[in-house]
Amino acid sequence: MTDIMDVLKRSDLMSRVKSSDTEPELRVRRLLHALGYRFRLHPSNLPGKPDIVLPRYRTAIFVHGCFWHSHRGCAAAKRPQSNMDFWNGKLDANMARDKRKAQQLRARGWRVVVVWECEVSARKKLPPKLTSLLTGEPNGSYGS
């Protein structure tokens, strides 16, 4: 299957994909703020520049897009059928980098939380997940 867009149109479209201040990230930030938590954004002194950092809780939060970070079992993470070598390499490299950066943060004593784009749309699930995480109560898996 070939791309339906020419190279210039595809390049223009891809250049508009944001890496920070995405809608899912903004939703998580608003929820945390509403719950009374204060945080830092994208600190360059931590591996992977986490999207949200709660220094008081030594917690780094990554808000991952399901497609770009290959969320297992999520329909939005379906890999393209065109230019498969490129996309498989790109998405596999993203997953490897995510794992490596999470390990580096844990080695520094940080708790790493991954919030998936699809979880943010399920608004009823997200606040209890974040609250239980920050209070230390068990409530499921928080890794990638």
N, C-alpha and C. Protein backbone atom coordinates (compact mmCIF):
# COMPACT_ATOMS: atom_id res chain seq x y z
N MET A 1 0.84 -1.17 0.00
CA MET A 1 0.00 0.00 0.00
C MET A 1 0.89 1.24 0.00
N THR A 2 0.58 2.19 -0.82
CA THR A 2 1.40 3.40 -0.89
C THR A 2 0.71 4.54 -0.15
N ASP A 3 1.50 5.53 0.19
CA ASP A 3 0.99 6.69 0.90
C ASP A 3 0.07 7.49 -0.02
N ILE A 4 -1.04 7.97 0.52
CA ILE A 4 -1.99 8.74 -0.30
C ILE A 4 -1.56 10.20 -0.44
N MET A 5 -0.56 10.61 0.31
CA MET A 5 -0.06 11.99 0.24
C MET A 5 1.31 12.00 -0.41
N ASP A 6 1.62 13.10 -1.09
CA ASP A 6 2.97 13.21 -1.62
C ASP A 6 3.92 13.54 -0.47
N VAL A 7 5.21 13.48 -0.74
CA VAL A 7 6.23 13.62 0.29
C VAL A 7 6.13 14.97 1.00
N LEU A 8 5.90 16.05 0.28
CA LEU A 8 5.83 17.37 0.89
C LEU A 8 4.61 17.52 1.80
N LYS A 9 3.47 17.02 1.37
CA LYS A 9 2.27 17.10 2.20
C LYS A 9 2.44 16.26 3.47
N ARG A 10 3.00 15.06 3.32
CA ARG A 10 3.22 14.20 4.48
C ARG A 10 4.20 14.86 5.45
N SER A 11 5.25 15.45 4.93
CA SER A 11 6.24 16.13 5.77
C SER A 11 5.60 17.29 6.53
N ASP A 12 4.77 18.07 5.85
CA ASP A 12 4.08 19.18 6.49
C ASP A 12 3.16 18.68 7.60
N LEU A 13 2.42 17.62 7.32
CA LEU A 13 1.51 17.05 8.31
C LEU A 13 2.28 16.55 9.53
N MET A 14 3.36 15.83 9.31
CA MET A 14 4.12 15.26 10.41
C MET A 14 4.82 16.34 11.24
N SER A 15 5.17 17.46 10.61
CA SER A 15 5.83 18.54 11.35
C SER A 15 4.89 19.20 12.35
N ARG A 16 3.61 18.98 12.19
CA ARG A 16 2.62 19.57 13.10
C ARG A 16 2.31 18.70 14.30
N VAL A 17 2.89 17.50 14.37
CA VAL A 17 2.68 16.63 15.51
C VAL A 17 3.46 17.20 16.70
N LYS A 18 2.74 17.50 17.77
CA LYS A 18 3.35 18.13 18.94
C LYS A 18 3.99 17.08 19.84
N SER A 19 5.08 17.48 20.51
CA SER A 19 5.71 16.57 21.45
C SER A 19 5.46 16.99 22.89
N SER A 20 4.99 18.21 23.10
CA SER A 20 4.63 18.64 24.45
C SER A 20 3.38 19.50 24.37
N ASP A 21 2.75 19.67 25.51
CA ASP A 21 1.50 20.43 25.60
C ASP A 21 0.41 19.84 24.70
N THR A 22 0.39 18.53 24.59
CA THR A 22 -0.66 17.86 23.82
C THR A 22 -1.94 17.87 24.64
N GLU A 23 -3.06 17.61 24.01
CA GLU A 23 -4.33 17.62 24.73
C GLU A 23 -4.36 16.59 25.87
N PRO A 24 -3.90 15.35 25.66
CA PRO A 24 -3.88 14.41 26.79
C PRO A 24 -3.00 14.91 27.94
N GLU A 25 -1.85 15.49 27.61
CA GLU A 25 -0.97 16.01 28.66
C GLU A 25 -1.65 17.15 29.42
N LEU A 26 -2.30 18.05 28.70
CA LEU A 26 -3.00 19.16 29.35
C LEU A 26 -4.11 18.66 30.26
N ARG A 27 -4.81 17.61 29.86
CA ARG A 27 -5.88 17.04 30.70
C ARG A 27 -5.30 16.49 32.00
N VAL A 28 -4.18 15.76 31.90
CA VAL A 28 -3.56 15.21 33.10
C VAL A 28 -3.10 16.34 34.01
N ARG A 29 -2.50 17.38 33.44
CA ARG A 29 -2.06 18.51 34.23
C ARG A 29 -3.22 19.20 34.94
N ARG A 30 -4.33 19.39 34.22
CA ARG A 30 -5.50 20.03 34.84
C ARG A 30 -6.05 19.17 35.99
N LEU A 31 -6.09 17.85 35.77
CA LEU A 31 -6.58 16.96 36.83
C LEU A 31 -5.67 17.00 38.05
N LEU A 32 -4.37 16.93 37.84
CA LEU A 32 -3.44 16.98 38.96
C LEU A 32 -3.59 18.29 39.73
N HIS A 33 -3.68 19.37 38.99
CA HIS A 33 -3.82 20.68 39.63
C HIS A 33 -5.13 20.75 40.42
N ALA A 34 -6.21 20.24 39.84
CA ALA A 34 -7.50 20.24 40.53
C ALA A 34 -7.47 19.38 41.79
N LEU A 35 -6.65 18.33 41.78
CA LEU A 35 -6.51 17.47 42.96
C LEU A 35 -5.59 18.08 44.01
N GLY A 36 -4.99 19.23 43.68
CA GLY A 36 -4.15 19.93 44.65
C GLY A 36 -2.67 19.68 44.53
N TYR A 37 -2.25 18.97 43.51
CA TYR A 37 -0.83 18.67 43.33
C TYR A 37 -0.14 19.78 42.54
N ARG A 38 1.10 20.05 42.90
CA ARG A 38 1.90 21.03 42.16
C ARG A 38 3.05 20.28 41.53
N PHE A 39 3.47 20.74 40.36
CA PHE A 39 4.41 19.96 39.57
C PHE A 39 5.29 20.86 38.71
N ARG A 40 6.28 20.25 38.11
CA ARG A 40 7.17 20.90 37.15
C ARG A 40 6.93 20.23 35.79
N LEU A 41 7.25 20.97 34.73
CA LEU A 41 7.04 20.45 33.38
C LEU A 41 8.37 20.28 32.64
N HIS A 42 8.52 19.14 32.01
CA HIS A 42 9.62 18.87 31.07
C HIS A 42 11.00 19.27 31.58
N PRO A 43 11.39 18.82 32.77
CA PRO A 43 12.71 19.22 33.27
C PRO A 43 13.83 18.57 32.45
N SER A 44 14.73 19.38 31.96
CA SER A 44 15.79 18.86 31.09
C SER A 44 16.89 18.15 31.88
N ASN A 45 16.87 18.27 33.22
CA ASN A 45 17.91 17.62 34.02
C ASN A 45 17.57 16.17 34.37
N LEU A 46 16.43 15.67 33.92
CA LEU A 46 16.06 14.28 34.17
C LEU A 46 16.05 13.51 32.86
N PRO A 47 16.44 12.23 32.89
CA PRO A 47 16.44 11.42 31.67
C PRO A 47 15.05 11.37 31.04
N GLY A 48 14.99 11.59 29.75
CA GLY A 48 13.75 11.50 29.01
C GLY A 48 12.86 12.73 29.09
N LYS A 49 13.27 13.75 29.84
CA LYS A 49 12.46 14.96 30.03
C LYS A 49 10.99 14.60 30.26
N PRO A 50 10.68 14.03 31.42
CA PRO A 50 9.29 13.63 31.68
C PRO A 50 8.32 14.79 31.44
N ASP A 51 7.10 14.45 31.06
CA ASP A 51 6.10 15.47 30.79
C ASP A 51 5.74 16.24 32.05
N ILE A 52 5.60 15.51 33.15
CA ILE A 52 5.21 16.12 34.43
C ILE A 52 6.06 15.49 35.52
N VAL A 53 6.57 16.33 36.42
CA VAL A 53 7.38 15.83 37.53
C VAL A 53 6.81 16.39 38.82
N LEU A 54 6.60 15.49 39.77
CA LEU A 54 6.15 15.88 41.11
C LEU A 54 7.35 15.66 42.05
N PRO A 55 8.19 16.66 42.24
CA PRO A 55 9.41 16.49 43.03
C PRO A 55 9.14 15.99 44.45
N ARG A 56 8.07 16.49 45.07
CA ARG A 56 7.75 16.10 46.44
C ARG A 56 7.54 14.60 46.56
N TYR A 57 7.01 13.99 45.52
CA TYR A 57 6.72 12.55 45.51
C TYR A 57 7.76 11.76 44.74
N ARG A 58 8.80 12.44 44.24
CA ARG A 58 9.84 11.82 43.41
C ARG A 58 9.19 10.95 42.32
N THR A 59 8.23 11.55 41.64
CA THR A 59 7.45 10.85 40.62
C THR A 59 7.56 11.59 39.30
N ALA A 60 7.88 10.83 38.26
CA ALA A 60 7.94 11.36 36.90
C ALA A 60 6.79 10.74 36.11
N ILE A 61 6.02 11.59 35.45
CA ILE A 61 4.87 11.12 34.69
C ILE A 61 5.10 11.38 33.20
N PHE A 62 4.95 10.33 32.43
CA PHE A 62 5.00 10.45 30.98
C PHE A 62 3.59 10.25 30.45
N VAL A 63 3.12 11.17 29.63
CA VAL A 63 1.82 11.03 28.98
C VAL A 63 2.12 10.61 27.55
N HIS A 64 1.92 9.32 27.28
CA HIS A 64 2.30 8.75 25.99
C HIS A 64 1.11 8.67 25.04
N GLY A 65 1.37 9.02 23.79
CA GLY A 65 0.41 8.78 22.73
C GLY A 65 0.42 7.30 22.39
N CYS A 66 -0.73 6.72 22.27
CA CYS A 66 -0.83 5.27 22.04
C CYS A 66 -0.12 4.85 20.75
N PHE A 67 -0.26 5.64 19.68
CA PHE A 67 0.40 5.29 18.42
C PHE A 67 1.92 5.43 18.53
N TRP A 68 2.39 6.58 18.96
CA TRP A 68 3.82 6.88 18.93
C TRP A 68 4.63 6.02 19.89
N HIS A 69 4.00 5.51 20.94
CA HIS A 69 4.73 4.71 21.92
C HIS A 69 4.24 3.26 21.96
N SER A 70 3.46 2.86 20.96
CA SER A 70 3.03 1.47 20.75
C SER A 70 2.37 0.86 21.99
N HIS A 71 1.24 1.42 22.39
CA HIS A 71 0.49 0.92 23.53
C HIS A 71 -0.09 -0.45 23.19
N ARG A 72 0.41 -1.47 23.87
CA ARG A 72 -0.05 -2.83 23.59
C ARG A 72 -1.53 -3.00 23.87
N GLY A 73 -2.21 -3.63 22.93
CA GLY A 73 -3.62 -3.92 23.10
C GLY A 73 -4.55 -2.75 22.79
N CYS A 74 -4.00 -1.63 22.37
CA CYS A 74 -4.83 -0.45 22.08
C CYS A 74 -5.03 -0.33 20.57
N ALA A 75 -6.26 -0.11 20.17
CA ALA A 75 -6.57 0.02 18.73
C ALA A 75 -5.86 1.19 18.09
N ALA A 76 -5.59 2.23 18.86
CA ALA A 76 -4.92 3.42 18.31
C ALA A 76 -3.43 3.17 18.03
N ALA A 77 -2.91 2.05 18.50
CA ALA A 77 -1.49 1.75 18.33
C ALA A 77 -1.21 0.90 17.09
N LYS A 78 -2.19 0.74 16.23
CA LYS A 78 -2.01 -0.08 15.04
C LYS A 78 -0.94 0.53 14.15
N ARG A 79 -0.01 -0.30 13.75
CA ARG A 79 1.10 0.18 12.92
C ARG A 79 0.69 0.31 11.46
N PRO A 80 1.21 1.33 10.78
CA PRO A 80 0.87 1.53 9.37
C PRO A 80 1.32 0.35 8.51
N GLN A 81 0.57 0.10 7.47
CA GLN A 81 0.90 -0.99 6.56
C GLN A 81 1.75 -0.52 5.38
N SER A 82 1.91 0.79 5.24
CA SER A 82 2.79 1.31 4.20
C SER A 82 4.12 1.70 4.84
N ASN A 83 5.19 1.58 4.08
CA ASN A 83 6.53 1.94 4.55
C ASN A 83 6.84 1.26 5.89
N MET A 84 6.57 -0.02 5.95
CA MET A 84 6.64 -0.77 7.20
C MET A 84 8.03 -0.79 7.82
N ASP A 85 9.07 -0.86 7.00
CA ASP A 85 10.43 -0.87 7.55
C ASP A 85 10.69 0.41 8.35
N PHE A 86 10.30 1.54 7.79
CA PHE A 86 10.50 2.81 8.47
C PHE A 86 9.71 2.86 9.77
N TRP A 87 8.41 2.56 9.70
CA TRP A 87 7.56 2.68 10.88
C TRP A 87 7.92 1.68 11.97
N ASN A 88 8.22 0.45 11.59
CA ASN A 88 8.62 -0.53 12.60
C ASN A 88 9.90 -0.09 13.30
N GLY A 89 10.88 0.38 12.53
CA GLY A 89 12.12 0.87 13.12
C GLY A 89 11.89 2.06 14.04
N LYS A 90 11.09 3.01 13.59
CA LYS A 90 10.81 4.22 14.36
C LYS A 90 10.09 3.89 15.66
N LEU A 91 9.02 3.12 15.57
CA LEU A 91 8.22 2.82 16.76
C LEU A 91 8.95 1.88 17.72
N ASP A 92 9.73 0.93 17.19
CA ASP A 92 10.54 0.07 18.05
C ASP A 92 11.60 0.88 18.79
N ALA A 93 12.20 1.85 18.10
CA ALA A 93 13.20 2.72 18.73
C ALA A 93 12.56 3.57 19.83
N ASN A 94 11.35 4.05 19.59
CA ASN A 94 10.63 4.82 20.62
C ASN A 94 10.42 3.97 21.86
N MET A 95 9.99 2.73 21.67
CA MET A 95 9.74 1.83 22.81
C MET A 95 11.03 1.55 23.57
N ALA A 96 12.12 1.31 22.84
CA ALA A 96 13.40 1.04 23.49
C ALA A 96 13.89 2.26 24.28
N ARG A 97 13.72 3.45 23.71
CA ARG A 97 14.13 4.68 24.40
C ARG A 97 13.29 4.88 25.65
N ASP A 98 11.98 4.66 25.55
CA ASP A 98 11.10 4.80 26.72
C ASP A 98 11.56 3.88 27.86
N LYS A 99 11.86 2.65 27.52
CA LYS A 99 12.29 1.67 28.52
C LYS A 99 13.62 2.09 29.16
N ARG A 100 14.55 2.53 28.32
CA ARG A 100 15.87 2.95 28.79
C ARG A 100 15.76 4.17 29.73
N LYS A 101 14.97 5.15 29.35
CA LYS A 101 14.83 6.36 30.17
C LYS A 101 14.12 6.06 31.48
N ALA A 102 13.13 5.17 31.46
CA ALA A 102 12.44 4.78 32.69
C ALA A 102 13.42 4.07 33.64
N GLN A 103 14.28 3.21 33.11
CA GLN A 103 15.27 2.53 33.93
C GLN A 103 16.25 3.52 34.55
N GLN A 104 16.66 4.53 33.76
CA GLN A 104 17.58 5.54 34.28
C GLN A 104 16.94 6.34 35.41
N LEU A 105 15.67 6.68 35.25
CA LEU A 105 14.97 7.41 36.31
C LEU A 105 14.83 6.56 37.57
N ARG A 106 14.46 5.31 37.41
CA ARG A 106 14.32 4.42 38.57
C ARG A 106 15.65 4.25 39.29
N ALA A 107 16.73 4.18 38.53
CA ALA A 107 18.07 4.05 39.13
C ALA A 107 18.41 5.29 39.96
N ARG A 108 17.82 6.41 39.64
CA ARG A 108 18.03 7.65 40.40
C ARG A 108 17.04 7.78 41.56
N GLY A 109 16.20 6.78 41.74
CA GLY A 109 15.25 6.81 42.85
C GLY A 109 13.91 7.43 42.55
N TRP A 110 13.57 7.56 41.28
CA TRP A 110 12.30 8.16 40.88
C TRP A 110 11.29 7.05 40.59
N ARG A 111 10.04 7.32 40.89
CA ARG A 111 8.94 6.46 40.49
C ARG A 111 8.50 6.93 39.10
N VAL A 112 8.29 6.01 38.19
CA VAL A 112 7.93 6.36 36.81
C VAL A 112 6.50 5.90 36.55
N VAL A 113 5.69 6.83 36.05
CA VAL A 113 4.30 6.55 35.75
C VAL A 113 4.06 6.84 34.28
N VAL A 114 3.42 5.92 33.59
CA VAL A 114 3.02 6.14 32.20
C VAL A 114 1.51 6.24 32.16
N VAL A 115 1.03 7.37 31.67
CA VAL A 115 -0.40 7.56 31.46
C VAL A 115 -0.60 7.54 29.95
N TRP A 116 -1.44 6.65 29.49
CA TRP A 116 -1.67 6.50 28.05
C TRP A 116 -2.77 7.44 27.58
N GLU A 117 -2.64 7.86 26.35
CA GLU A 117 -3.61 8.75 25.72
C GLU A 117 -5.03 8.21 25.86
N CYS A 118 -5.22 6.91 25.67
CA CYS A 118 -6.57 6.32 25.75
C CYS A 118 -7.10 6.34 27.18
N GLU A 119 -6.22 6.33 28.18
CA GLU A 119 -6.66 6.41 29.57
C GLU A 119 -7.19 7.80 29.90
N VAL A 120 -6.61 8.79 29.29
CA VAL A 120 -7.02 10.16 29.57
C VAL A 120 -8.44 10.40 29.07
N SER A 121 -8.80 9.72 27.99
CA SER A 121 -10.17 9.89 27.48
C SER A 121 -11.18 9.17 28.37
N ALA A 122 -10.73 8.20 29.15
CA ALA A 122 -11.60 7.51 30.12
C ALA A 122 -11.52 8.27 31.43
N ARG A 123 -12.18 9.40 31.50
CA ARG A 123 -12.04 10.34 32.62
C ARG A 123 -12.36 9.73 33.99
N LYS A 124 -13.24 8.76 34.03
CA LYS A 124 -13.60 8.19 35.33
C LYS A 124 -12.45 7.39 35.93
N LYS A 125 -11.58 6.83 35.11
CA LYS A 125 -10.48 6.02 35.60
C LYS A 125 -9.29 6.86 36.06
N LEU A 126 -9.03 7.94 35.39
CA LEU A 126 -7.78 8.65 35.60
C LEU A 126 -7.61 9.25 37.00
N PRO A 127 -8.55 10.01 37.54
CA PRO A 127 -8.28 10.59 38.87
C PRO A 127 -7.98 9.55 39.94
N PRO A 128 -8.74 8.45 40.07
CA PRO A 128 -8.38 7.46 41.09
C PRO A 128 -6.99 6.86 40.85
N LYS A 129 -6.63 6.66 39.58
CA LYS A 129 -5.31 6.12 39.29
C LYS A 129 -4.23 7.07 39.78
N LEU A 130 -4.37 8.35 39.48
CA LEU A 130 -3.37 9.32 39.90
C LEU A 130 -3.37 9.51 41.40
N THR A 131 -4.55 9.60 42.00
CA THR A 131 -4.63 9.80 43.44
C THR A 131 -4.02 8.62 44.19
N SER A 132 -4.37 7.40 43.77
CA SER A 132 -3.83 6.22 44.46
C SER A 132 -2.33 6.12 44.27
N LEU A 133 -1.86 6.53 43.13
CA LEU A 133 -0.41 6.51 42.89
C LEU A 133 0.29 7.45 43.86
N LEU A 134 -0.21 8.64 43.99
CA LEU A 134 0.46 9.65 44.78
C LEU A 134 0.31 9.44 46.28
N THR A 135 -0.75 8.71 46.69
CA THR A 135 -0.91 8.42 48.11
C THR A 135 -0.26 7.09 48.49
N GLY A 136 0.22 6.36 47.47
CA GLY A 136 0.91 5.10 47.73
C GLY A 136 0.00 3.89 47.83
N GLU A 137 -1.28 4.07 47.58
CA GLU A 137 -2.21 2.93 47.62
C GLU A 137 -2.09 2.12 46.34
N PRO A 138 -2.16 0.79 46.43
CA PRO A 138 -2.09 -0.01 45.21
C PRO A 138 -3.34 0.16 44.37
N ASN A 139 -3.15 0.35 43.07
CA ASN A 139 -4.30 0.48 42.17
C ASN A 139 -3.86 0.13 40.76
N GLY A 140 -3.31 -1.04 40.55
CA GLY A 140 -2.94 -1.45 39.20
C GLY A 140 -1.51 -1.13 38.85
N SER A 141 -1.21 -1.32 37.60
CA SER A 141 0.15 -1.15 37.09
C SER A 141 0.39 0.26 36.60
N TYR A 142 1.57 0.79 36.86
CA TYR A 142 1.89 2.14 36.43
C TYR A 142 3.04 2.18 35.47
N GLY A 143 3.63 1.08 35.15
CA GLY A 143 4.76 1.07 34.22
C GLY A 143 4.31 1.16 32.79
N SER A 144 5.28 1.10 31.89
CA SER A 144 4.97 1.22 30.45
C SER A 144 4.49 -0.04 29.84
